């Protein structure tokens, strides 16, 4: 998604990149507009819930970076984008 609204209504409450292959060595990092580290996971089943240190993160745009290896062809991928946090 391009934006998330983590208000508990079940629609767009979480952010996680979509992938269409068998992956390994997965890393998802999220940063605020000043480059401060906000979220990190190595589990592709874990999504960002719009919180930082257990508190709701500030509204705005965040940069995400995902790195992984496609197991089928053993190729490394690094992709990035932006997601907007809206309430």
PDB file of N, CA and C in Angstrom:
ATOM      1  N   UNK A   1       0.821  -1.207   0.000  1.00  0.00           N
ATOM      2  CA  UNK A   1       0.000   0.000   0.000  1.00  0.00           C
ATOM      3  C   UNK A   1       0.855   1.259   0.000  1.00  0.00           C
ATOM      4  N   UNK A   2       0.310   2.336  -0.492  1.00  0.00           N
ATOM      5  CA  UNK A   2       1.003   3.634  -0.485  1.00  0.00           C
ATOM      6  C   UNK A   2       0.763   4.367   0.825  1.00  0.00           C
ATOM      7  N   UNK A   3      -0.280   3.963   1.557  1.00  0.00           N
ATOM      8  CA  UNK A   3      -0.591   4.605   2.828  1.00  0.00           C
ATOM      9  C   UNK A   3      -1.234   3.622   3.776  1.00  0.00           C
ATOM     10  N   UNK A   4      -1.068   3.888   5.075  1.00  0.00           N
ATOM     11  CA  UNK A   4      -1.727   3.058   6.084  1.00  0.00           C
ATOM     12  C   UNK A   4      -2.473   3.962   7.061  1.00  0.00           C
ATOM     13  N   UNK A   5      -3.541   3.412   7.601  1.00  0.00           N
ATOM     14  CA  UNK A   5      -4.362   4.105   8.591  1.00  0.00           C
ATOM     15  C   UNK A   5      -4.526   3.163   9.779  1.00  0.00           C
ATOM     16  N   UNK A   6      -3.538   3.092  10.656  1.00  0.00           N
ATOM     17  CA  UNK A   6      -3.583   2.132  11.763  1.00  0.00           C
ATOM     18  C   UNK A   6      -4.562   2.533  12.860  1.00  0.00           C
ATOM     19  N   UNK A   7      -5.856   2.500  12.531  1.00  0.00           N
ATOM     20  CA  UNK A   7      -6.882   2.899  13.489  1.00  0.00           C
ATOM     21  C   UNK A   7      -7.692   1.714  14.015  1.00  0.00           C
ATOM     22  N   UNK A   8      -7.295   0.494  13.658  1.00  0.00           N
ATOM     23  CA  UNK A   8      -7.955  -0.694  14.188  1.00  0.00           C
ATOM     24  C   UNK A   8      -9.223  -1.100  13.481  1.00  0.00           C
ATOM     25  N   UNK A   9      -9.528  -0.484  12.328  1.00  0.00           N
ATOM     26  CA  UNK A   9     -10.765  -0.854  11.632  1.00  0.00           C
ATOM     27  C   UNK A   9     -10.600  -2.046  10.695  1.00  0.00           C
ATOM     28  N   UNK A  10      -9.364  -2.577  10.592  1.00  0.00           N
ATOM     29  CA  UNK A  10      -9.120  -3.735   9.741  1.00  0.00           C
ATOM     30  C   UNK A  10      -8.782  -3.403   8.301  1.00  0.00           C
ATOM     31  N   UNK A  11      -8.866  -2.137   7.916  1.00  0.00           N
ATOM     32  CA  UNK A  11      -8.521  -1.705   6.558  1.00  0.00           C
ATOM     33  C   UNK A  11      -7.226  -0.892   6.598  1.00  0.00           C
ATOM     34  N   UNK A  12      -6.212  -1.362   5.894  1.00  0.00           N
ATOM     35  CA  UNK A  12      -4.933  -0.651   5.790  1.00  0.00           C
ATOM     36  C   UNK A  12      -4.314  -0.318   7.143  1.00  0.00           C
ATOM     37  N   UNK A  13      -4.433  -1.220   8.108  1.00  0.00           N
ATOM     38  CA  UNK A  13      -3.854  -0.989   9.434  1.00  0.00           C
ATOM     39  C   UNK A  13      -2.370  -1.316   9.492  1.00  0.00           C
ATOM     40  N   UNK A  14      -1.878  -2.112   8.542  1.00  0.00           N
ATOM     41  CA  UNK A  14      -0.497  -2.587   8.574  1.00  0.00           C
ATOM     42  C   UNK A  14       0.192  -2.337   7.245  1.00  0.00           C
ATOM     43  N   UNK A  15       1.536  -2.233   7.298  1.00  0.00           N
ATOM     44  CA  UNK A  15       2.327  -2.120   6.081  1.00  0.00           C
ATOM     45  C   UNK A  15       3.308  -3.280   5.996  1.00  0.00           C
ATOM     46  N   UNK A  16       3.318  -3.924   4.837  1.00  0.00           N
ATOM     47  CA  UNK A  16       4.283  -4.980   4.534  1.00  0.00           C
ATOM     48  C   UNK A  16       4.389  -5.071   3.018  1.00  0.00           C
ATOM     49  N   UNK A  17       5.616  -5.081   2.484  1.00  0.00           N
ATOM     50  CA  UNK A  17       5.771  -5.235   1.034  1.00  0.00           C
ATOM     51  C   UNK A  17       5.243  -6.587   0.564  1.00  0.00           C
ATOM     52  N   UNK A  18       4.705  -6.611  -0.637  1.00  0.00           N
ATOM     53  CA  UNK A  18       4.250  -7.868  -1.237  1.00  0.00           C
ATOM     54  C   UNK A  18       5.401  -8.489  -2.016  1.00  0.00           C
ATOM     55  N   UNK A  19       5.455  -9.790  -2.031  1.00  0.00           N
ATOM     56  CA  UNK A  19       6.470 -10.505  -2.801  1.00  0.00           C
ATOM     57  C   UNK A  19       5.819 -11.718  -3.430  1.00  0.00           C
ATOM     58  N   UNK A  20       6.398 -12.172  -4.536  1.00  0.00           N
ATOM     59  CA  UNK A  20       5.793 -13.275  -5.292  1.00  0.00           C
ATOM     60  C   UNK A  20       6.782 -14.411  -5.527  1.00  0.00           C
ATOM     61  N   UNK A  21       7.646 -14.651  -4.589  1.00  0.00           N
ATOM     62  CA  UNK A  21       8.625 -15.720  -4.744  1.00  0.00           C
ATOM     63  C   UNK A  21       8.932 -16.300  -3.374  1.00  0.00           C
ATOM     64  N   UNK A  22       9.651 -17.387  -3.363  1.00  0.00           N
ATOM     65  CA  UNK A  22      10.117 -17.983  -2.109  1.00  0.00           C
ATOM     66  C   UNK A  22      11.338 -17.186  -1.672  1.00  0.00           C
ATOM     67  N   UNK A  23      11.263 -16.541  -0.494  1.00  0.00           N
ATOM     68  CA  UNK A  23      12.351 -15.659  -0.100  1.00  0.00           C
ATOM     69  C   UNK A  23      13.111 -16.176   1.116  1.00  0.00           C
ATOM     70  N   UNK A  24      14.337 -15.689   1.223  1.00  0.00           N
ATOM     71  CA  UNK A  24      15.186 -15.971   2.364  1.00  0.00           C
ATOM     72  C   UNK A  24      15.984 -14.711   2.668  1.00  0.00           C
ATOM     73  N   UNK A  25      16.569 -14.633   3.814  1.00  0.00           N
ATOM     74  CA  UNK A  25      17.379 -13.499   4.260  1.00  0.00           C
ATOM     75  C   UNK A  25      16.628 -12.178   4.084  1.00  0.00           C
ATOM     76  N   UNK A  26      15.395 -12.166   4.527  1.00  0.00           N
ATOM     77  CA  UNK A  26      14.504 -11.016   4.417  1.00  0.00           C
ATOM     78  C   UNK A  26      14.835  -9.964   5.474  1.00  0.00           C
ATOM     79  N   UNK A  27      14.824  -8.703   5.079  1.00  0.00           N
ATOM     80  CA  UNK A  27      15.009  -7.577   5.996  1.00  0.00           C
ATOM     81  C   UNK A  27      14.119  -6.436   5.541  1.00  0.00           C
ATOM     82  N   UNK A  28      13.301  -5.922   6.448  1.00  0.00           N
ATOM     83  CA  UNK A  28      12.477  -4.755   6.176  1.00  0.00           C
ATOM     84  C   UNK A  28      12.843  -3.676   7.178  1.00  0.00           C
ATOM     85  N   UNK A  29      13.221  -2.507   6.675  1.00  0.00           N
ATOM     86  CA  UNK A  29      13.561  -1.362   7.518  1.00  0.00           C
ATOM     87  C   UNK A  29      12.667  -0.196   7.126  1.00  0.00           C
ATOM     88  N   UNK A  30      12.254   0.586   8.137  1.00  0.00           N
ATOM     89  CA  UNK A  30      11.451   1.780   7.896  1.00  0.00           C
ATOM     90  C   UNK A  30      12.110   2.946   8.625  1.00  0.00           C
ATOM     91  N   UNK A  31      12.171   4.091   7.905  1.00  0.00           N
ATOM     92  CA  UNK A  31      12.815   5.298   8.421  1.00  0.00           C
ATOM     93  C   UNK A  31      11.872   6.487   8.280  1.00  0.00           C
ATOM     94  N   UNK A  32      11.997   7.456   9.195  1.00  0.00           N
ATOM     95  CA  UNK A  32      11.199   8.667   9.044  1.00  0.00           C
ATOM     96  C   UNK A  32      11.878   9.619   8.063  1.00  0.00           C
ATOM     97  N   UNK A  33      11.302  10.782   7.850  1.00  0.00           N
ATOM     98  CA  UNK A  33      11.824  11.692   6.829  1.00  0.00           C
ATOM     99  C   UNK A  33      13.179  12.289   7.170  1.00  0.00           C
ATOM    100  N   UNK A  34      13.616  12.158   8.424  1.00  0.00           N
ATOM    101  CA  UNK A  34      14.940  12.621   8.832  1.00  0.00           C
ATOM    102  C   UNK A  34      15.966  11.494   8.812  1.00  0.00           C
ATOM    103  N   UNK A  35      15.538  10.314   8.399  1.00  0.00           N
ATOM    104  CA  UNK A  35      16.438   9.167   8.331  1.00  0.00           C
ATOM    105  C   UNK A  35      16.578   8.408   9.630  1.00  0.00           C
ATOM    106  N   UNK A  36      15.745   8.734  10.622  1.00  0.00           N
ATOM    107  CA  UNK A  36      15.778   8.010  11.894  1.00  0.00           C
ATOM    108  C   UNK A  36      15.140   6.639  11.723  1.00  0.00           C
ATOM    109  N   UNK A  37      15.763   5.640  12.312  1.00  0.00           N
ATOM    110  CA  UNK A  37      15.299   4.261  12.245  1.00  0.00           C
ATOM    111  C   UNK A  37      14.010   4.123  13.052  1.00  0.00           C
ATOM    112  N   UNK A  38      12.948   3.576  12.446  1.00  0.00           N
ATOM    113  CA  UNK A  38      11.637   3.456  13.083  1.00  0.00           C
ATOM    114  C   UNK A  38      11.237   1.999  13.332  1.00  0.00           C
ATOM    115  N   UNK A  39      11.535   1.108  12.374  1.00  0.00           N
ATOM    116  CA  UNK A  39      11.046  -0.275  12.453  1.00  0.00           C
ATOM    117  C   UNK A  39      11.988  -1.186  11.690  1.00  0.00           C
ATOM    118  N   UNK A  40      12.134  -2.425  12.195  1.00  0.00           N
ATOM    119  CA  UNK A  40      12.956  -3.428  11.509  1.00  0.00           C
ATOM    120  C   UNK A  40      12.407  -4.818  11.813  1.00  0.00           C
ATOM    121  N   UNK A  41      12.404  -5.687  10.798  1.00  0.00           N
ATOM    122  CA  UNK A  41      12.058  -7.088  10.996  1.00  0.00           C
ATOM    123  C   UNK A  41      12.798  -7.952   9.985  1.00  0.00           C
ATOM    124  N   UNK A  42      13.047  -9.176  10.380  1.00  0.00           N
ATOM    125  CA  UNK A  42      13.599 -10.176   9.460  1.00  0.00           C
ATOM    126  C   UNK A  42      12.563 -11.260   9.169  1.00  0.00           C
ATOM    127  N   UNK A  43      11.359 -11.079   9.651  1.00  0.00           N
ATOM    128  CA  UNK A  43      10.270 -12.036   9.456  1.00  0.00           C
ATOM    129  C   UNK A  43       9.294 -11.486   8.423  1.00  0.00           C
ATOM    130  N   UNK A  44       9.184 -12.103   7.245  1.00  0.00           N
ATOM    131  CA  UNK A  44       8.279 -11.581   6.217  1.00  0.00           C
ATOM    132  C   UNK A  44       6.806 -11.604   6.628  1.00  0.00           C
ATOM    133  N   UNK A  45       6.475 -12.306   7.680  1.00  0.00           N
ATOM    134  CA  UNK A  45       5.104 -12.337   8.171  1.00  0.00           C
ATOM    135  C   UNK A  45       4.778 -11.215   9.145  1.00  0.00           C
ATOM    136  N   UNK A  46       5.776 -10.422   9.510  1.00  0.00           N
ATOM    137  CA  UNK A  46       5.572  -9.320  10.453  1.00  0.00           C
ATOM    138  C   UNK A  46       5.465  -8.015   9.684  1.00  0.00           C
ATOM    139  N   UNK A  47       4.429  -7.242   9.982  1.00  0.00           N
ATOM    140  CA  UNK A  47       4.176  -5.971   9.308  1.00  0.00           C
ATOM    141  C   UNK A  47       4.354  -4.814  10.285  1.00  0.00           C
ATOM    142  N   UNK A  48       4.606  -3.617   9.736  1.00  0.00           N
ATOM    143  CA  UNK A  48       4.683  -2.413  10.560  1.00  0.00           C
ATOM    144  C   UNK A  48       3.278  -1.952  10.889  1.00  0.00           C
ATOM    145  N   UNK A  49       3.020  -1.686  12.154  1.00  0.00           N
ATOM    146  CA  UNK A  49       1.689  -1.288  12.609  1.00  0.00           C
ATOM    147  C   UNK A  49       1.551   0.221  12.833  1.00  0.00           C
ATOM    148  N   UNK A  50       2.504   1.002  12.344  1.00  0.00           N
ATOM    149  CA  UNK A  50       2.423   2.452  12.488  1.00  0.00           C
ATOM    150  C   UNK A  50       2.885   2.963  13.829  1.00  0.00           C
ATOM    151  N   UNK A  51       3.580   2.110  14.583  1.00  0.00           N
ATOM    152  CA  UNK A  51       4.070   2.524  15.903  1.00  0.00           C
ATOM    153  C   UNK A  51       5.595   2.565  15.920  1.00  0.00           C
ATOM    154  N   UNK A  52       6.106   3.378  16.840  1.00  0.00           N
ATOM    155  CA  UNK A  52       7.539   3.480  17.081  1.00  0.00           C
ATOM    156  C   UNK A  52       7.744   3.444  18.590  1.00  0.00           C
ATOM    157  N   UNK A  53       8.511   2.464  19.057  1.00  0.00           N
ATOM    158  CA  UNK A  53       8.732   2.264  20.505  1.00  0.00           C
ATOM    159  C   UNK A  53       7.413   2.124  21.262  1.00  0.00           C
ATOM    160  N   UNK A  54       6.440   1.447  20.642  1.00  0.00           N
ATOM    161  CA  UNK A  54       5.164   1.177  21.290  1.00  0.00           C
ATOM    162  C   UNK A  54       4.160   2.306  21.263  1.00  0.00           C
ATOM    163  N   UNK A  55       4.539   3.463  20.725  1.00  0.00           N
ATOM    164  CA  UNK A  55       3.651   4.621  20.641  1.00  0.00           C
ATOM    165  C   UNK A  55       3.302   4.899  19.181  1.00  0.00           C
ATOM    166  N   UNK A  56       2.134   5.470  18.922  1.00  0.00           N
ATOM    167  CA  UNK A  56       1.802   5.817  17.540  1.00  0.00           C
ATOM    168  C   UNK A  56       2.859   6.749  16.945  1.00  0.00           C
ATOM    169  N   UNK A  57       3.326   6.416  15.760  1.00  0.00           N
ATOM    170  CA  UNK A  57       4.310   7.258  15.068  1.00  0.00           C
ATOM    171  C   UNK A  57       3.618   8.513  14.554  1.00  0.00           C
ATOM    172  N   UNK A  58       4.396   9.548  14.313  1.00  0.00           N
ATOM    173  CA  UNK A  58       3.865  10.804  13.783  1.00  0.00           C
ATOM    174  C   UNK A  58       3.293  10.595  12.388  1.00  0.00           C
ATOM    175  N   UNK A  59       2.270  11.359  12.079  1.00  0.00           N
ATOM    176  CA  UNK A  59       1.715  11.328  10.728  1.00  0.00           C
ATOM    177  C   UNK A  59       2.766  11.818   9.760  1.00  0.00           C
ATOM    178  N   UNK A  60       2.755  11.266   8.553  1.00  0.00           N
ATOM    179  CA  UNK A  60       3.703  11.702   7.547  1.00  0.00           C
ATOM    180  C   UNK A  60       4.153  10.563   6.665  1.00  0.00           C
ATOM    181  N   UNK A  61       5.170  10.831   5.888  1.00  0.00           N
ATOM    182  CA  UNK A  61       5.687   9.854   4.934  1.00  0.00           C
ATOM    183  C   UNK A  61       6.945   9.199   5.483  1.00  0.00           C
ATOM    184  N   UNK A  62       7.033   7.889   5.316  1.00  0.00           N
ATOM    185  CA  UNK A  62       8.144   7.080   5.792  1.00  0.00           C
ATOM    186  C   UNK A  62       8.755   6.336   4.610  1.00  0.00           C
ATOM    187  N   UNK A  63      10.050   6.145   4.671  1.00  0.00           N
ATOM    188  CA  UNK A  63      10.767   5.408   3.631  1.00  0.00           C
ATOM    189  C   UNK A  63      10.941   3.970   4.089  1.00  0.00           C
ATOM    190  N   UNK A  64      10.673   3.023   3.197  1.00  0.00           N
ATOM    191  CA  UNK A  64      10.897   1.615   3.509  1.00  0.00           C
ATOM    192  C   UNK A  64      11.952   1.063   2.565  1.00  0.00           C
ATOM    193  N   UNK A  65      12.722   0.111   3.102  1.00  0.00           N
ATOM    194  CA  UNK A  65      13.731  -0.604   2.325  1.00  0.00           C
ATOM    195  C   UNK A  65      13.560  -2.076   2.633  1.00  0.00           C
ATOM    196  N   UNK A  66      13.402  -2.893   1.598  1.00  0.00           N
ATOM    197  CA  UNK A  66      13.300  -4.333   1.783  1.00  0.00           C
ATOM    198  C   UNK A  66      14.442  -4.996   1.012  1.00  0.00           C
ATOM    199  N   UNK A  67      15.078  -5.957   1.663  1.00  0.00           N
ATOM    200  CA  UNK A  67      16.150  -6.735   1.050  1.00  0.00           C
ATOM    201  C   UNK A  67      15.809  -8.207   1.233  1.00  0.00           C
ATOM    202  N   UNK A  68      16.068  -8.996   0.201  1.00  0.00           N
ATOM    203  CA  UNK A  68      15.807 -10.428   0.293  1.00  0.00           C
ATOM    204  C   UNK A  68      16.522 -11.157  -0.823  1.00  0.00           C
ATOM    205  N   UNK A  69      16.552 -12.460  -0.682  1.00  0.00           N
ATOM    206  CA  UNK A  69      17.104 -13.324  -1.726  1.00  0.00           C
ATOM    207  C   UNK A  69      15.988 -14.225  -2.222  1.00  0.00           C
ATOM    208  N   UNK A  70      15.826 -14.280  -3.538  1.00  0.00           N
ATOM    209  CA  UNK A  70      14.885 -15.187  -4.181  1.00  0.00           C
ATOM    210  C   UNK A  70      15.536 -16.568  -4.168  1.00  0.00           C
ATOM    211  N   UNK A  71      14.954 -17.501  -3.423  1.00  0.00           N
ATOM    212  CA  UNK A  71      15.553 -18.829  -3.287  1.00  0.00           C
ATOM    213  C   UNK A  71      15.664 -19.574  -4.608  1.00  0.00           C
ATOM    214  N   UNK A  72      14.717 -19.377  -5.513  1.00  0.00           N
ATOM    215  CA  UNK A  72      14.699 -20.107  -6.775  1.00  0.00           C
ATOM    216  C   UNK A  72      15.932 -19.813  -7.629  1.00  0.00           C
ATOM    217  N   UNK A  73      16.289 -18.530  -7.746  1.00  0.00           N
ATOM    218  CA  UNK A  73      17.444 -18.191  -8.585  1.00  0.00           C
ATOM    219  C   UNK A  73      18.630 -17.651  -7.791  1.00  0.00           C
ATOM    220  N   UNK A  74      18.522 -17.660  -6.462  1.00  0.00           N
ATOM    221  CA  UNK A  74      19.586 -17.184  -5.564  1.00  0.00           C
ATOM    222  C   UNK A  74      20.010 -15.752  -5.884  1.00  0.00           C
ATOM    223  N   UNK A  75      19.054 -14.932  -6.308  1.00  0.00           N
ATOM    224  CA  UNK A  75      19.341 -13.553  -6.666  1.00  0.00           C
ATOM    225  C   UNK A  75      18.948 -12.621  -5.522  1.00  0.00           C
ATOM    226  N   UNK A  76      19.831 -11.643  -5.237  1.00  0.00           N
ATOM    227  CA  UNK A  76      19.606 -10.649  -4.189  1.00  0.00           C
ATOM    228  C   UNK A  76      18.797  -9.477  -4.754  1.00  0.00           C
ATOM    229  N   UNK A  77      17.819  -9.019  -3.988  1.00  0.00           N
ATOM    230  CA  UNK A  77      17.010  -7.870  -4.369  1.00  0.00           C
ATOM    231  C   UNK A  77      17.020  -6.850  -3.239  1.00  0.00           C
ATOM    232  N   UNK A  78      17.043  -5.578  -3.617  1.00  0.00           N
ATOM    233  CA  UNK A  78      16.894  -4.469  -2.673  1.00  0.00           C
ATOM    234  C   UNK A  78      15.933  -3.482  -3.319  1.00  0.00           C
ATOM    235  N   UNK A  79      14.807  -3.272  -2.653  1.00  0.00           N
ATOM    236  CA  UNK A  79      13.789  -2.374  -3.186  1.00  0.00           C
ATOM    237  C   UNK A  79      13.427  -1.357  -2.107  1.00  0.00           C
ATOM    238  N   UNK A  80      12.965  -0.195  -2.549  1.00  0.00           N
ATOM    239  CA  UNK A  80      12.590   0.831  -1.586  1.00  0.00           C
ATOM    240  C   UNK A  80      11.394   1.610  -2.111  1.00  0.00           C
ATOM    241  N   UNK A  81      10.787   2.343  -1.206  1.00  0.00           N
ATOM    242  CA  UNK A  81       9.641   3.153  -1.565  1.00  0.00           C
ATOM    243  C   UNK A  81       9.228   3.999  -0.386  1.00  0.00           C
ATOM    244  N   UNK A  82       8.025   4.535  -0.459  1.00  0.00           N
ATOM    245  CA  UNK A  82       7.505   5.383   0.605  1.00  0.00           C
ATOM    246  C   UNK A  82       6.104   4.940   0.971  1.00  0.00           C
ATOM    247  N   UNK A  83       5.765   5.110   2.232  1.00  0.00           N
ATOM    248  CA  UNK A  83       4.424   4.826   2.714  1.00  0.00           C
ATOM    249  C   UNK A  83       4.020   6.002   3.601  1.00  0.00           C
ATOM    250  N   UNK A  84       2.773   6.433   3.455  1.00  0.00           N
ATOM    251  CA  UNK A  84       2.281   7.566   4.231  1.00  0.00           C
ATOM    252  C   UNK A  84       1.409   7.068   5.364  1.00  0.00           C
ATOM    253  N   UNK A  85       1.681   7.570   6.547  1.00  0.00           N
ATOM    254  CA  UNK A  85       0.910   7.225   7.744  1.00  0.00           C
ATOM    255  C   UNK A  85      -0.182   8.288   7.917  1.00  0.00           C
ATOM    256  N   UNK A  86      -1.431   7.840   7.859  1.00  0.00           N
ATOM    257  CA  UNK A  86      -2.609   8.715   7.931  1.00  0.00           C
ATOM    258  C   UNK A  86      -3.472   8.203   9.072  1.00  0.00           C
ATOM    259  N   UNK A  87      -4.158   9.063   9.753  1.00  0.00           N
ATOM    260  CA  UNK A  87      -5.085   8.632  10.803  1.00  0.00           C
ATOM    261  C   UNK A  87      -6.508   8.949  10.423  1.00  0.00           C
TER     262      UNK A  87
END
